[in-house]
Amino acid sequence: MAEAGDWTEHFARFRSAAPERVNLAAHSHHDWPDVSLAAQEAAWTDAARLAGDKWDIVFGEIIPAVQAGIARHLNLPDPSTIAFAPNTHEFLRRLLSCLPTSRPPRVLTTSAEFHTARRQLARLAEEGLIQLEEVAAEPFATLPERLHAAIATGGHDLIYLSQVLFNSGAALADLAALAKAVPSPETLLAIDGYHGYLALPTDLSAIADRAFYIAGGYKYAMAGEGSCFMHCPPGYGPRPRDTGWFAAFGALTAPPGSSVGYSGDGGRFLGATFDPTGLYRMRAVLYWLAKHRLDATIIHGHAIALMRQFLSGLDGLDLADLGRANIITPLDDAAAHGNFLAFRTPQAGALEAALAKLNIATDHRGDVLRFGFGLALNQADIAAALERMAGLRL
């Protein structure tokens, strides 16, 4: 019988496919629960049975169910504000396509955004197409205060910030305070919540009418690739220039001088034809979470408990580069910490490779080695990983 707080039996397919693996990369490649397999097969069966008519199921049943599930977890008042895309880069492009063209738009962000945003924004800045302002992420203790001050200066066309910084685990706990600091109602505010959604308890009700929120299924939502979403606050970015034909569904009458109409809900940010299989999986995972009364509070608490077990075990191993002094964001305030641990070390790449030889999955970004924790792990998995790491050699 599974121990209290142990959900690994629901991930039997992934675990049995690689029984020697301890997946400490939940922040990157989370295991999928078993219910997702039947959902994957259902997507194929619907396509075979209905051919092109499958889109009636996708838009009539799958998408509304996923919208409702996401809205419950984020406390959003209107599920129809949620749009879907295969990846978050599509949403970033569409947000950028809403910005003024009469001058280079001003974009404010941090120095620790994920590659999809950092690379795209840096490239546009190279060409002088945007004016990019980056707030240094470190020291993390003062980041909220420094961000607040930068936001309050005003004049920005887009503010793009991560809820949880991907290379440290540091979290911006008070999103409402940052939204309130934006002086102009014309500024687009976007929160990258990929490391926050279903990892940290997140209540967007206070900023649902002000902030975009972007996340997806690849990490703690446990639904895999191709299932990203964005909450789109009413009235902001009403007519993205980067637009696909799906955004015409339910379109309102186009304004004078234009032949292109958009809907007033999240559909205005849709693209074109996509593979809906990820949304089938996401619906199944959301139903599974609801059935077992699992939410971000429970998931975060479980991850924090495992992280503390892991750190306590590391203390006894005395491994170079994996001591508490190497942790970028100490695990002090659980509300301000994501569900992974990040260690700064010049040996990050070598350590990832050495751990892989021990069948321990991790990942690294530059000089940062990351260990992620989620529902697919239990205390025995952490103990097994620590036992293997006792013999870690580079």
Foldseek 3Di string as FASTA:
>chain_A
DDDPLADQVQLVVVCVVPVLFLEQALLFFNGAGPLLVVLLVVLVVLCVVPPVCSVCCCVVPLQVLLLVLLCVQQVAPDSLQKDWWQDCLLVVLLLVLLFDQVAAFEEEEAPQADPSVVVVVVVCVVVRNHHYHHHYCPPVVCVVVVLLVVQLVERHQEYEYEQARPQAQFGDLCPLSSQVSRPDQNHAYEYEDALPALFARHHCHNCLQGYKYKYACRHNLNLRGRTIMIRHHFPHSQAGPQAAPQQQVVFDCDPPPDRDTGDRHNSNSYHYDDSCSSSSSSSSSSVVCVVVVHGNVSFNVQLLVLVVLLLVLVVVLPDPQPHQVQWSDHPDDSSRGTSKTKGFAQCQVVQQVQLVVSSYHWDADHRITMGGDGSSDDNVSSVSSSVSCSPGDD
